[in-house]
């Protein structure tokens, strides 16, 4: 699911019974999502499939509550640039 990530949206997220986690992808920054575990732990995650790889790689950006959505977007944008540069090298 894709939605604009906000602090209030993240605070309302719950994992349905029988599921391990929920991921909501940000509409503002491609690859950024929030992952909420059944334990209640919520983290910002950047997902990118490296060039030549069949499976996506997840990089934890930080925990929700310890960083704002804007900070997570900033870090995700930097990771996107770094990933793009790394792809060009190979």
N, C-alpha and C. Protein backbone atom coordinates (compact mmCIF):
# COMPACT_ATOMS: atom_id res chain seq x y z
N UNK A 1 0.84 -1.17 0.00
CA UNK A 1 0.00 0.00 0.00
C UNK A 1 0.89 1.24 0.00
N UNK A 2 0.46 2.28 -0.70
CA UNK A 2 1.19 3.54 -0.78
C UNK A 2 0.33 4.66 -0.20
N UNK A 3 0.95 5.42 0.69
CA UNK A 3 0.31 6.60 1.28
C UNK A 3 1.41 7.59 1.63
N UNK A 4 1.02 8.84 1.76
CA UNK A 4 1.98 9.83 2.24
C UNK A 4 2.21 9.56 3.73
N UNK A 5 3.45 9.26 4.09
CA UNK A 5 3.76 8.95 5.47
C UNK A 5 3.69 10.21 6.33
N UNK A 6 2.99 10.11 7.43
CA UNK A 6 2.90 11.17 8.41
C UNK A 6 3.02 10.54 9.80
N UNK A 7 3.36 11.35 10.78
CA UNK A 7 3.49 10.84 12.15
C UNK A 7 2.16 10.27 12.64
N UNK A 8 1.05 10.93 12.31
CA UNK A 8 -0.25 10.46 12.77
C UNK A 8 -0.64 9.14 12.10
N UNK A 9 -0.31 8.98 10.82
CA UNK A 9 -0.59 7.72 10.13
C UNK A 9 0.20 6.58 10.77
N UNK A 10 1.47 6.82 11.04
CA UNK A 10 2.33 5.80 11.62
C UNK A 10 1.82 5.41 13.01
N UNK A 11 1.37 6.38 13.79
CA UNK A 11 0.88 6.12 15.15
C UNK A 11 -0.36 5.23 15.13
N UNK A 12 -1.15 5.30 14.05
CA UNK A 12 -2.39 4.54 13.96
C UNK A 12 -2.20 3.13 13.38
N UNK A 13 -1.02 2.85 12.81
CA UNK A 13 -0.82 1.56 12.17
C UNK A 13 -0.84 0.41 13.17
N UNK A 14 -1.54 -0.63 12.79
CA UNK A 14 -1.60 -1.85 13.59
C UNK A 14 -1.42 -3.04 12.69
N UNK A 15 -0.83 -4.09 13.23
CA UNK A 15 -0.64 -5.32 12.48
C UNK A 15 -1.86 -6.21 12.71
N UNK A 16 -2.52 -6.64 11.62
CA UNK A 16 -3.70 -7.50 11.77
C UNK A 16 -3.35 -8.83 12.44
N UNK A 17 -4.31 -9.40 13.12
CA UNK A 17 -4.15 -10.69 13.78
C UNK A 17 -3.66 -11.74 12.77
N UNK A 18 -2.65 -12.48 13.15
CA UNK A 18 -2.11 -13.53 12.29
C UNK A 18 -1.01 -13.07 11.35
N UNK A 19 -0.76 -11.78 11.26
CA UNK A 19 0.30 -11.24 10.39
C UNK A 19 1.53 -10.92 11.25
N UNK A 20 2.70 -10.95 10.60
CA UNK A 20 3.95 -10.64 11.30
C UNK A 20 4.29 -9.16 11.23
N UNK A 21 3.92 -8.52 10.10
CA UNK A 21 4.27 -7.11 9.92
C UNK A 21 3.39 -6.46 8.89
N UNK A 22 3.46 -5.14 8.86
CA UNK A 22 2.75 -4.32 7.88
C UNK A 22 3.76 -3.33 7.32
N UNK A 23 3.73 -3.11 5.99
CA UNK A 23 4.58 -2.11 5.36
C UNK A 23 3.71 -1.13 4.59
N UNK A 24 3.98 0.15 4.80
CA UNK A 24 3.31 1.21 4.05
C UNK A 24 4.40 1.99 3.33
N UNK A 25 4.29 2.09 2.01
CA UNK A 25 5.28 2.79 1.20
C UNK A 25 4.91 4.26 1.06
N UNK A 26 5.91 5.10 1.12
CA UNK A 26 5.72 6.55 1.03
C UNK A 26 5.48 6.97 -0.42
N UNK A 27 4.59 7.92 -0.61
CA UNK A 27 4.33 8.45 -1.95
C UNK A 27 5.31 9.56 -2.31
N UNK A 28 6.02 10.09 -1.32
CA UNK A 28 6.93 11.21 -1.55
C UNK A 28 8.32 10.76 -2.01
N UNK A 29 8.84 9.69 -1.41
CA UNK A 29 10.19 9.21 -1.73
C UNK A 29 10.11 7.74 -2.09
N UNK A 30 10.45 7.45 -3.32
CA UNK A 30 10.40 6.07 -3.80
C UNK A 30 11.40 5.20 -3.03
N UNK A 31 10.93 4.05 -2.56
CA UNK A 31 11.79 3.13 -1.84
C UNK A 31 11.67 3.24 -0.33
N UNK A 32 11.11 4.36 0.16
CA UNK A 32 10.97 4.54 1.61
C UNK A 32 9.64 3.93 2.06
N UNK A 33 9.70 3.19 3.15
CA UNK A 33 8.46 2.69 3.73
C UNK A 33 8.61 2.63 5.24
N UNK A 34 7.48 2.47 5.91
CA UNK A 34 7.49 2.24 7.34
C UNK A 34 7.08 0.79 7.54
N UNK A 35 7.82 0.10 8.41
CA UNK A 35 7.55 -1.31 8.70
C UNK A 35 7.16 -1.40 10.17
N UNK A 36 5.96 -1.93 10.41
CA UNK A 36 5.49 -2.11 11.78
C UNK A 36 5.42 -3.60 12.05
N UNK A 37 6.13 -4.04 13.09
CA UNK A 37 6.16 -5.45 13.46
C UNK A 37 5.02 -5.74 14.43
N UNK A 38 4.65 -7.02 14.54
CA UNK A 38 3.59 -7.42 15.46
C UNK A 38 3.94 -7.04 16.90
N UNK A 39 5.22 -6.94 17.21
CA UNK A 39 5.66 -6.56 18.55
C UNK A 39 5.40 -5.08 18.85
N UNK A 40 5.08 -4.31 17.80
CA UNK A 40 4.82 -2.88 17.96
C UNK A 40 5.97 -2.01 17.51
N UNK A 41 7.13 -2.61 17.23
CA UNK A 41 8.30 -1.86 16.78
C UNK A 41 8.04 -1.32 15.37
N UNK A 42 8.24 -0.03 15.20
CA UNK A 42 8.03 0.61 13.90
C UNK A 42 9.34 1.24 13.44
N UNK A 43 9.74 0.96 12.20
CA UNK A 43 10.99 1.46 11.65
C UNK A 43 10.78 2.00 10.24
N UNK A 44 11.61 2.97 9.89
CA UNK A 44 11.67 3.43 8.51
C UNK A 44 12.66 2.54 7.78
N UNK A 45 12.28 2.08 6.59
CA UNK A 45 13.11 1.17 5.81
C UNK A 45 13.22 1.69 4.39
N UNK A 46 14.41 1.59 3.81
CA UNK A 46 14.62 1.94 2.41
C UNK A 46 14.81 0.63 1.65
N UNK A 47 14.01 0.42 0.61
CA UNK A 47 14.05 -0.81 -0.16
C UNK A 47 14.49 -0.49 -1.58
N UNK A 48 15.51 -1.20 -2.02
CA UNK A 48 16.04 -0.98 -3.37
C UNK A 48 16.56 -2.30 -3.91
N UNK A 49 16.30 -2.59 -5.16
CA UNK A 49 16.85 -3.79 -5.78
C UNK A 49 18.11 -3.39 -6.53
N UNK A 50 19.28 -3.84 -6.03
CA UNK A 50 20.53 -3.49 -6.71
C UNK A 50 20.55 -4.03 -8.14
N UNK A 51 21.22 -3.31 -9.00
CA UNK A 51 21.35 -3.71 -10.39
C UNK A 51 21.95 -5.11 -10.48
N UNK A 52 21.33 -5.97 -11.25
CA UNK A 52 21.81 -7.33 -11.43
C UNK A 52 21.35 -8.30 -10.37
N UNK A 53 20.55 -7.84 -9.42
CA UNK A 53 20.05 -8.70 -8.34
C UNK A 53 18.58 -8.98 -8.56
N UNK A 54 18.17 -10.18 -8.19
CA UNK A 54 16.76 -10.55 -8.32
C UNK A 54 15.94 -10.19 -7.10
N UNK A 55 16.60 -9.98 -5.97
CA UNK A 55 15.86 -9.71 -4.75
C UNK A 55 16.16 -8.31 -4.21
N UNK A 56 15.13 -7.66 -3.68
CA UNK A 56 15.35 -6.33 -3.12
C UNK A 56 16.12 -6.40 -1.81
N UNK A 57 16.84 -5.34 -1.51
CA UNK A 57 17.59 -5.22 -0.26
C UNK A 57 16.91 -4.17 0.60
N UNK A 58 16.78 -4.47 1.88
CA UNK A 58 16.19 -3.52 2.83
C UNK A 58 17.28 -2.96 3.73
N UNK A 59 17.28 -1.64 3.86
CA UNK A 59 18.20 -0.96 4.76
C UNK A 59 17.35 -0.21 5.78
N UNK A 60 17.55 -0.52 7.06
CA UNK A 60 16.81 0.19 8.10
C UNK A 60 17.39 1.59 8.23
N UNK A 61 16.53 2.58 8.06
CA UNK A 61 16.93 3.99 8.13
C UNK A 61 16.95 4.44 9.59
N UNK A 62 15.96 4.04 10.35
CA UNK A 62 15.87 4.41 11.76
C UNK A 62 14.51 4.05 12.32
N UNK A 63 14.38 4.18 13.62
CA UNK A 63 13.12 3.85 14.27
C UNK A 63 12.18 5.05 14.26
N UNK A 64 10.92 4.75 14.07
CA UNK A 64 9.89 5.78 14.16
C UNK A 64 9.86 6.26 15.61
N UNK A 65 9.76 7.54 15.79
CA UNK A 65 9.78 8.11 17.13
C UNK A 65 11.15 8.65 17.49
N UNK A 66 12.19 8.01 16.97
CA UNK A 66 13.55 8.50 17.18
C UNK A 66 13.96 9.46 16.08
N UNK A 67 13.24 9.40 14.96
CA UNK A 67 13.48 10.33 13.86
C UNK A 67 12.13 10.68 13.25
N UNK A 68 12.07 11.86 12.65
CA UNK A 68 10.82 12.31 12.03
C UNK A 68 10.70 11.74 10.62
N UNK A 69 9.53 11.86 10.07
CA UNK A 69 9.30 11.42 8.69
C UNK A 69 10.20 12.21 7.74
N UNK A 70 10.35 13.52 7.98
CA UNK A 70 11.20 14.34 7.12
C UNK A 70 12.66 13.89 7.19
N UNK A 71 13.13 13.54 8.38
CA UNK A 71 14.50 13.04 8.51
C UNK A 71 14.66 11.71 7.77
N UNK A 72 13.67 10.85 7.88
CA UNK A 72 13.71 9.55 7.18
C UNK A 72 13.74 9.76 5.67
N UNK A 73 12.95 10.71 5.18
CA UNK A 73 12.96 11.01 3.74
C UNK A 73 14.33 11.51 3.30
N UNK A 74 14.93 12.36 4.11
CA UNK A 74 16.25 12.89 3.79
C UNK A 74 17.27 11.75 3.69
N UNK A 75 17.27 10.86 4.67
CA UNK A 75 18.19 9.72 4.65
C UNK A 75 17.92 8.80 3.46
N UNK A 76 16.64 8.58 3.16
CA UNK A 76 16.29 7.71 2.04
C UNK A 76 16.74 8.31 0.71
N UNK A 77 16.60 9.61 0.57
CA UNK A 77 17.08 10.27 -0.66
C UNK A 77 18.59 10.10 -0.81
N UNK A 78 19.33 10.24 0.30
CA UNK A 78 20.78 10.04 0.26
C UNK A 78 21.12 8.59 -0.10
N UNK A 79 20.38 7.65 0.46
CA UNK A 79 20.62 6.24 0.13
C UNK A 79 20.31 5.95 -1.34
N UNK A 80 19.27 6.60 -1.87
CA UNK A 80 18.93 6.42 -3.28
C UNK A 80 20.05 6.91 -4.18
N UNK A 81 20.63 8.05 -3.83
CA UNK A 81 21.75 8.59 -4.62
C UNK A 81 22.95 7.66 -4.53
N UNK A 82 23.26 7.21 -3.32
CA UNK A 82 24.40 6.31 -3.12
C UNK A 82 24.20 5.00 -3.89
N UNK A 83 23.00 4.45 -3.83
CA UNK A 83 22.70 3.20 -4.52
C UNK A 83 22.83 3.37 -6.03
N UNK A 84 22.35 4.51 -6.55
CA UNK A 84 22.44 4.78 -7.97
C UNK A 84 23.90 4.89 -8.39
N UNK A 85 24.72 5.57 -7.59
CA UNK A 85 26.15 5.71 -7.90
C UNK A 85 26.86 4.37 -7.86
N UNK A 86 26.49 3.52 -6.86
CA UNK A 86 27.09 2.19 -6.75
C UNK A 86 26.72 1.33 -7.95
N UNK A 87 25.47 1.47 -8.44
CA UNK A 87 25.04 0.72 -9.62
C UNK A 87 25.85 1.10 -10.86
N UNK A 88 26.20 2.38 -10.96
CA UNK A 88 26.94 2.86 -12.12
C UNK A 88 28.37 2.32 -12.14
N UNK A 89 28.93 2.03 -10.94
CA UNK A 89 30.29 1.52 -10.85
C UNK A 89 30.43 0.10 -11.35
N UNK A 90 29.36 -0.70 -11.23
CA UNK A 90 29.44 -2.12 -11.53
C UNK A 90 29.15 -2.38 -12.94
